[in-house]
Amino acid sequence: MIDYSPFWKTLDASPENWYTLTKKHHMSHSTLYRLKHNQDISMKTMNDLCRILHCKIQDIAQYIPSDTDQLL
């Protein structure tokens, strides 16, 4: 599963916050909800977050093996 806990640490260390992401950068509340609940986001959104926060993908998400992962 993809875990977005690194995102919250990166956001805390950044001058940005929930308010600026939604008001200044026009990120939707539903996107932030999805991050908070480890739900899928698009790679476009990932790109936008990396650009806004001046960070790498691994500063936003990490892969954690899970029993609920889809079998291949």
PDB file of N, CA and C in Angstrom:
ATOM      1  N   MET A   1       0.831  -1.177   0.000  1.00  0.00           N
ATOM      2  CA  MET A   1       0.000   0.000   0.000  1.00  0.00           C
ATOM      3  C   MET A   1       0.874   1.237   0.000  1.00  0.00           C
ATOM      4  N   ILE A   2       0.344   2.298  -0.521  1.00  0.00           N
ATOM      5  CA  ILE A   2       1.050   3.573  -0.520  1.00  0.00           C
ATOM      6  C   ILE A   2       0.655   4.321   0.750  1.00  0.00           C
ATOM      7  N   ASP A   3       1.676   4.757   1.472  1.00  0.00           N
ATOM      8  CA  ASP A   3       1.480   5.476   2.742  1.00  0.00           C
ATOM      9  C   ASP A   3       1.923   6.922   2.546  1.00  0.00           C
ATOM     10  N   TYR A   4       1.064   7.855   2.910  1.00  0.00           N
ATOM     11  CA  TYR A   4       1.363   9.271   2.725  1.00  0.00           C
ATOM     12  C   TYR A   4       1.817   9.966   4.004  1.00  0.00           C
ATOM     13  N   SER A   5       2.212   9.220   5.021  1.00  0.00           N
ATOM     14  CA  SER A   5       2.669   9.876   6.250  1.00  0.00           C
ATOM     15  C   SER A   5       3.891  10.777   6.024  1.00  0.00           C
ATOM     16  N   PRO A   6       4.795  10.463   5.072  1.00  0.00           N
ATOM     17  CA  PRO A   6       5.896  11.401   4.838  1.00  0.00           C
ATOM     18  C   PRO A   6       5.408  12.789   4.383  1.00  0.00           C
ATOM     19  N   PHE A   7       4.259  12.825   3.702  1.00  0.00           N
ATOM     20  CA  PHE A   7       3.709  14.101   3.245  1.00  0.00           C
ATOM     21  C   PHE A   7       3.475  15.047   4.414  1.00  0.00           C
ATOM     22  N   TRP A   8       2.896  14.538   5.484  1.00  0.00           N
ATOM     23  CA  TRP A   8       2.554  15.391   6.632  1.00  0.00           C
ATOM     24  C   TRP A   8       3.808  15.922   7.322  1.00  0.00           C
ATOM     25  N   LYS A   9       4.853  15.119   7.371  1.00  0.00           N
ATOM     26  CA  LYS A   9       6.129  15.586   7.936  1.00  0.00           C
ATOM     27  C   LYS A   9       6.745  16.655   7.040  1.00  0.00           C
ATOM     28  N   THR A  10       6.684  16.436   5.737  1.00  0.00           N
ATOM     29  CA  THR A  10       7.214  17.412   4.786  1.00  0.00           C
ATOM     30  C   THR A  10       6.422  18.708   4.861  1.00  0.00           C
ATOM     31  N   LEU A  11       5.107  18.590   4.958  1.00  0.00           N
ATOM     32  CA  LEU A  11       4.263  19.777   5.056  1.00  0.00           C
ATOM     33  C   LEU A  11       4.568  20.553   6.334  1.00  0.00           C
ATOM     34  N   ASP A  12       4.751  19.861   7.446  1.00  0.00           N
ATOM     35  CA  ASP A  12       5.080  20.519   8.716  1.00  0.00           C
ATOM     36  C   ASP A  12       6.396  21.291   8.627  1.00  0.00           C
ATOM     37  N   ALA A  13       7.351  20.767   7.880  1.00  0.00           N
ATOM     38  CA  ALA A  13       8.671  21.398   7.756  1.00  0.00           C
ATOM     39  C   ALA A  13       8.685  22.523   6.710  1.00  0.00           C
ATOM     40  N   SER A  14       7.599  22.676   6.003  1.00  0.00           N
ATOM     41  CA  SER A  14       7.507  23.641   4.915  1.00  0.00           C
ATOM     42  C   SER A  14       6.798  24.913   5.389  1.00  0.00           C
ATOM     43  N   PRO A  15       6.988  26.026   4.663  1.00  0.00           N
ATOM     44  CA  PRO A  15       6.216  27.235   4.993  1.00  0.00           C
ATOM     45  C   PRO A  15       4.748  27.121   4.564  1.00  0.00           C
ATOM     46  N   GLU A  16       4.433  26.094   3.797  1.00  0.00           N
ATOM     47  CA  GLU A  16       3.046  25.868   3.358  1.00  0.00           C
ATOM     48  C   GLU A  16       2.269  25.141   4.453  1.00  0.00           C
ATOM     49  N   ASN A  17       0.942  25.192   4.351  1.00  0.00           N
ATOM     50  CA  ASN A  17       0.072  24.459   5.269  1.00  0.00           C
ATOM     51  C   ASN A  17      -1.225  24.116   4.535  1.00  0.00           C
ATOM     52  N   TRP A  18      -2.135  23.457   5.242  1.00  0.00           N
ATOM     53  CA  TRP A  18      -3.410  23.041   4.639  1.00  0.00           C
ATOM     54  C   TRP A  18      -4.095  24.241   3.985  1.00  0.00           C
ATOM     55  N   TYR A  19      -4.116  25.372   4.688  1.00  0.00           N
ATOM     56  CA  TYR A  19      -4.789  26.571   4.187  1.00  0.00           C
ATOM     57  C   TYR A  19      -4.153  27.072   2.896  1.00  0.00           C
ATOM     58  N   THR A  20      -2.826  27.209   2.863  1.00  0.00           N
ATOM     59  CA  THR A  20      -2.181  27.721   1.650  1.00  0.00           C
ATOM     60  C   THR A  20      -2.293  26.740   0.490  1.00  0.00           C
ATOM     61  N   LEU A  21      -2.275  25.443   0.795  1.00  0.00           N
ATOM     62  CA  LEU A  21      -2.449  24.464  -0.289  1.00  0.00           C
ATOM     63  C   LEU A  21      -3.811  24.622  -0.949  1.00  0.00           C
ATOM     64  N   THR A  22      -4.837  24.875  -0.144  1.00  0.00           N
ATOM     65  CA  THR A  22      -6.181  24.994  -0.717  1.00  0.00           C
ATOM     66  C   THR A  22      -6.459  26.375  -1.292  1.00  0.00           C
ATOM     67  N   LYS A  23      -6.040  27.418  -0.620  1.00  0.00           N
ATOM     68  CA  LYS A  23      -6.372  28.783  -1.072  1.00  0.00           C
ATOM     69  C   LYS A  23      -5.379  29.336  -2.091  1.00  0.00           C
ATOM     70  N   LYS A  24      -4.106  29.238  -1.808  1.00  0.00           N
ATOM     71  CA  LYS A  24      -3.087  29.815  -2.692  1.00  0.00           C
ATOM     72  C   LYS A  24      -2.803  28.922  -3.900  1.00  0.00           C
ATOM     73  N   HIS A  25      -2.742  27.605  -3.663  1.00  0.00           N
ATOM     74  CA  HIS A  25      -2.368  26.672  -4.725  1.00  0.00           C
ATOM     75  C   HIS A  25      -3.569  25.915  -5.304  1.00  0.00           C
ATOM     76  N   HIS A  26      -4.764  26.216  -4.820  1.00  0.00           N
ATOM     77  CA  HIS A  26      -6.023  25.676  -5.351  1.00  0.00           C
ATOM     78  C   HIS A  26      -6.090  24.147  -5.324  1.00  0.00           C
ATOM     79  N   MET A  27      -5.504  23.553  -4.307  1.00  0.00           N
ATOM     80  CA  MET A  27      -5.599  22.106  -4.117  1.00  0.00           C
ATOM     81  C   MET A  27      -6.960  21.831  -3.455  1.00  0.00           C
ATOM     82  N   SER A  28      -7.636  20.818  -3.891  1.00  0.00           N
ATOM     83  CA  SER A  28      -8.968  20.565  -3.358  1.00  0.00           C
ATOM     84  C   SER A  28      -8.906  19.931  -1.966  1.00  0.00           C
ATOM     85  N   HIS A  29      -9.956  20.175  -1.200  1.00  0.00           N
ATOM     86  CA  HIS A  29     -10.067  19.557   0.128  1.00  0.00           C
ATOM     87  C   HIS A  29     -10.122  18.042  -0.007  1.00  0.00           C
ATOM     88  N   SER A  30     -10.738  17.564  -1.081  1.00  0.00           N
ATOM     89  CA  SER A  30     -10.839  16.111  -1.273  1.00  0.00           C
ATOM     90  C   SER A  30      -9.469  15.479  -1.507  1.00  0.00           C
ATOM     91  N   THR A  31      -8.572  16.200  -2.166  1.00  0.00           N
ATOM     92  CA  THR A  31      -7.211  15.686  -2.361  1.00  0.00           C
ATOM     93  C   THR A  31      -6.500  15.544  -1.025  1.00  0.00           C
ATOM     94  N   LEU A  32      -6.615  16.557  -0.183  1.00  0.00           N
ATOM     95  CA  LEU A  32      -5.978  16.496   1.129  1.00  0.00           C
ATOM     96  C   LEU A  32      -6.632  15.417   1.994  1.00  0.00           C
ATOM     97  N   TYR A  33      -7.933  15.241   1.853  1.00  0.00           N
ATOM     98  CA  TYR A  33      -8.629  14.160   2.549  1.00  0.00           C
ATOM     99  C   TYR A  33      -8.064  12.810   2.106  1.00  0.00           C
ATOM    100  N   ARG A  34      -7.857  12.657   0.792  1.00  0.00           N
ATOM    101  CA  ARG A  34      -7.329  11.397   0.256  1.00  0.00           C
ATOM    102  C   ARG A  34      -5.928  11.125   0.802  1.00  0.00           C
ATOM    103  N   LEU A  35      -5.100  12.152   0.893  1.00  0.00           N
ATOM    104  CA  LEU A  35      -3.767  11.993   1.462  1.00  0.00           C
ATOM    105  C   LEU A  35      -3.850  11.576   2.931  1.00  0.00           C
ATOM    106  N   LYS A  36      -4.738  12.212   3.650  1.00  0.00           N
ATOM    107  CA  LYS A  36      -4.895  11.933   5.083  1.00  0.00           C
ATOM    108  C   LYS A  36      -5.333  10.493   5.334  1.00  0.00           C
ATOM    109  N   HIS A  37      -6.112   9.941   4.400  1.00  0.00           N
ATOM    110  CA  HIS A  37      -6.663   8.599   4.567  1.00  0.00           C
ATOM    111  C   HIS A  37      -5.976   7.554   3.675  1.00  0.00           C
ATOM    112  N   ASN A  38      -4.778   7.868   3.197  1.00  0.00           N
ATOM    113  CA  ASN A  38      -3.983   6.952   2.371  1.00  0.00           C
ATOM    114  C   ASN A  38      -4.759   6.387   1.185  1.00  0.00           C
ATOM    115  N   GLN A  39      -5.504   7.253   0.527  1.00  0.00           N
ATOM    116  CA  GLN A  39      -6.225   6.862  -0.677  1.00  0.00           C
ATOM    117  C   GLN A  39      -5.435   7.333  -1.897  1.00  0.00           C
ATOM    118  N   ASP A  40      -5.729   6.758  -3.045  1.00  0.00           N
ATOM    119  CA  ASP A  40      -4.986   7.068  -4.263  1.00  0.00           C
ATOM    120  C   ASP A  40      -5.090   8.538  -4.656  1.00  0.00           C
ATOM    121  N   ILE A  41      -3.979   9.065  -5.149  1.00  0.00           N
ATOM    122  CA  ILE A  41      -3.959  10.379  -5.783  1.00  0.00           C
ATOM    123  C   ILE A  41      -3.273  10.202  -7.136  1.00  0.00           C
ATOM    124  N   SER A  42      -3.480  11.152  -8.012  1.00  0.00           N
ATOM    125  CA  SER A  42      -2.892  11.049  -9.350  1.00  0.00           C
ATOM    126  C   SER A  42      -1.423  11.465  -9.333  1.00  0.00           C
ATOM    127  N   MET A  43      -0.715  11.059 -10.367  1.00  0.00           N
ATOM    128  CA  MET A  43       0.674  11.473 -10.491  1.00  0.00           C
ATOM    129  C   MET A  43       0.765  12.965 -10.798  1.00  0.00           C
ATOM    130  N   LYS A  44      -0.250  13.532 -11.406  1.00  0.00           N
ATOM    131  CA  LYS A  44      -0.279  14.981 -11.625  1.00  0.00           C
ATOM    132  C   LYS A  44      -0.311  15.687 -10.279  1.00  0.00           C
ATOM    133  N   THR A  45      -1.132  15.184  -9.370  1.00  0.00           N
ATOM    134  CA  THR A  45      -1.194  15.761  -8.028  1.00  0.00           C
ATOM    135  C   THR A  45       0.138  15.585  -7.313  1.00  0.00           C
ATOM    136  N   MET A  46       0.743  14.418  -7.459  1.00  0.00           N
ATOM    137  CA  MET A  46       2.055  14.176  -6.856  1.00  0.00           C
ATOM    138  C   MET A  46       3.065  15.182  -7.407  1.00  0.00           C
ATOM    139  N   ASN A  47       3.046  15.401  -8.715  1.00  0.00           N
ATOM    140  CA  ASN A  47       3.930  16.372  -9.346  1.00  0.00           C
ATOM    141  C   ASN A  47       3.687  17.777  -8.778  1.00  0.00           C
ATOM    142  N   ASP A  48       2.424  18.156  -8.653  1.00  0.00           N
ATOM    143  CA  ASP A  48       2.086  19.472  -8.109  1.00  0.00           C
ATOM    144  C   ASP A  48       2.598  19.632  -6.679  1.00  0.00           C
ATOM    145  N   LEU A  49       2.417  18.602  -5.866  1.00  0.00           N
ATOM    146  CA  LEU A  49       2.881  18.666  -4.479  1.00  0.00           C
ATOM    147  C   LEU A  49       4.402  18.782  -4.408  1.00  0.00           C
ATOM    148  N   CYS A  50       5.101  18.033  -5.234  1.00  0.00           N
ATOM    149  CA  CYS A  50       6.569  18.117  -5.258  1.00  0.00           C
ATOM    150  C   CYS A  50       7.021  19.514  -5.671  1.00  0.00           C
ATOM    151  N   ARG A  51       6.336  20.085  -6.636  1.00  0.00           N
ATOM    152  CA  ARG A  51       6.677  21.437  -7.098  1.00  0.00           C
ATOM    153  C   ARG A  51       6.396  22.464  -6.004  1.00  0.00           C
ATOM    154  N   ILE A  52       5.235  22.382  -5.385  1.00  0.00           N
ATOM    155  CA  ILE A  52       4.841  23.342  -4.344  1.00  0.00           C
ATOM    156  C   ILE A  52       5.753  23.243  -3.127  1.00  0.00           C
ATOM    157  N   LEU A  53       6.044  22.017  -2.704  1.00  0.00           N
ATOM    158  CA  LEU A  53       6.813  21.806  -1.474  1.00  0.00           C
ATOM    159  C   LEU A  53       8.325  21.711  -1.721  1.00  0.00           C
ATOM    160  N   HIS A  54       8.737  21.787  -2.993  1.00  0.00           N
ATOM    161  CA  HIS A  54      10.163  21.691  -3.348  1.00  0.00           C
ATOM    162  C   HIS A  54      10.784  20.434  -2.740  1.00  0.00           C
ATOM    163  N   CYS A  55      10.181  19.290  -3.076  1.00  0.00           N
ATOM    164  CA  CYS A  55      10.643  18.036  -2.486  1.00  0.00           C
ATOM    165  C   CYS A  55      10.624  16.913  -3.524  1.00  0.00           C
ATOM    166  N   LYS A  56      11.041  15.748  -3.095  1.00  0.00           N
ATOM    167  CA  LYS A  56      11.051  14.552  -3.933  1.00  0.00           C
ATOM    168  C   LYS A  56       9.823  13.706  -3.610  1.00  0.00           C
ATOM    169  N   ILE A  57       9.508  12.783  -4.507  1.00  0.00           N
ATOM    170  CA  ILE A  57       8.348  11.906  -4.314  1.00  0.00           C
ATOM    171  C   ILE A  57       8.435  11.171  -2.977  1.00  0.00           C
ATOM    172  N   GLN A  58       9.608  10.696  -2.613  1.00  0.00           N
ATOM    173  CA  GLN A  58       9.744   9.945  -1.358  1.00  0.00           C
ATOM    174  C   GLN A  58       9.511  10.822  -0.125  1.00  0.00           C
ATOM    175  N   ASP A  59       9.467  12.144  -0.311  1.00  0.00           N
ATOM    176  CA  ASP A  59       9.120  13.036   0.790  1.00  0.00           C
ATOM    177  C   ASP A  59       7.606  13.142   0.962  1.00  0.00           C
ATOM    178  N   ILE A  60       6.866  12.533   0.047  1.00  0.00           N
ATOM    179  CA  ILE A  60       5.401  12.579   0.087  1.00  0.00           C
ATOM    180  C   ILE A  60       4.799  11.201   0.319  1.00  0.00           C
ATOM    181  N   ALA A  61       5.389  10.171  -0.272  1.00  0.00           N
ATOM    182  CA  ALA A  61       4.798   8.833  -0.198  1.00  0.00           C
ATOM    183  C   ALA A  61       5.868   7.768  -0.048  1.00  0.00           C
ATOM    184  N   GLN A  62       5.434   6.639   0.501  1.00  0.00           N
ATOM    185  CA  GLN A  62       6.306   5.468   0.593  1.00  0.00           C
ATOM    186  C   GLN A  62       5.456   4.221   0.388  1.00  0.00           C
ATOM    187  N   TYR A  63       6.093   3.181  -0.109  1.00  0.00           N
ATOM    188  CA  TYR A  63       5.401   1.904  -0.293  1.00  0.00           C
ATOM    189  C   TYR A  63       5.644   1.029   0.926  1.00  0.00           C
ATOM    190  N   ILE A  64       4.563   0.481   1.453  1.00  0.00           N
ATOM    191  CA  ILE A  64       4.637  -0.462   2.568  1.00  0.00           C
ATOM    192  C   ILE A  64       3.911  -1.728   2.129  1.00  0.00           C
ATOM    193  N   PRO A  65       4.613  -2.868   2.082  1.00  0.00           N
ATOM    194  CA  PRO A  65       3.938  -4.116   1.714  1.00  0.00           C
ATOM    195  C   PRO A  65       2.750  -4.384   2.650  1.00  0.00           C
ATOM    196  N   SER A  66       1.687  -4.904   2.077  1.00  0.00           N
ATOM    197  CA  SER A  66       0.479  -5.137   2.854  1.00  0.00           C
ATOM    198  C   SER A  66      -0.235  -6.393   2.369  1.00  0.00           C
ATOM    199  N   ASP A  67      -0.908  -7.063   3.273  1.00  0.00           N
ATOM    200  CA  ASP A  67      -1.707  -8.233   2.912  1.00  0.00           C
ATOM    201  C   ASP A  67      -2.905  -7.870   2.041  1.00  0.00           C
ATOM    202  N   THR A  68      -3.274  -6.593   2.031  1.00  0.00           N
ATOM    203  CA  THR A  68      -4.413  -6.168   1.230  1.00  0.00           C
ATOM    204  C   THR A  68      -4.013  -5.736  -0.175  1.00  0.00           C
ATOM    205  N   ASP A  69      -2.708  -5.803  -0.502  1.00  0.00           N
ATOM    206  CA  ASP A  69      -2.270  -5.492  -1.861  1.00  0.00           C
ATOM    207  C   ASP A  69      -2.907  -6.468  -2.850  1.00  0.00           C
ATOM    208  N   GLN A  70      -3.203  -5.965  -4.029  1.00  0.00           N
ATOM    209  CA  GLN A  70      -3.794  -6.792  -5.083  1.00  0.00           C
ATOM    210  C   GLN A  70      -2.779  -7.844  -5.515  1.00  0.00           C
ATOM    211  N   LEU A  71      -3.248  -9.091  -5.645  1.00  0.00           N
ATOM    212  CA  LEU A  71      -2.375 -10.166  -6.128  1.00  0.00           C
ATOM    213  C   LEU A  71      -2.167  -9.991  -7.623  1.00  0.00           C
ATOM    214  N   LEU A  72      -0.963 -10.282  -8.066  1.00  0.00           N
ATOM    215  CA  LEU A  72      -0.655 -10.179  -9.483  1.00  0.00           C
ATOM    216  C   LEU A  72      -0.744 -11.534 -10.152  1.00  0.00           C
TER     217      LEU A  72
END
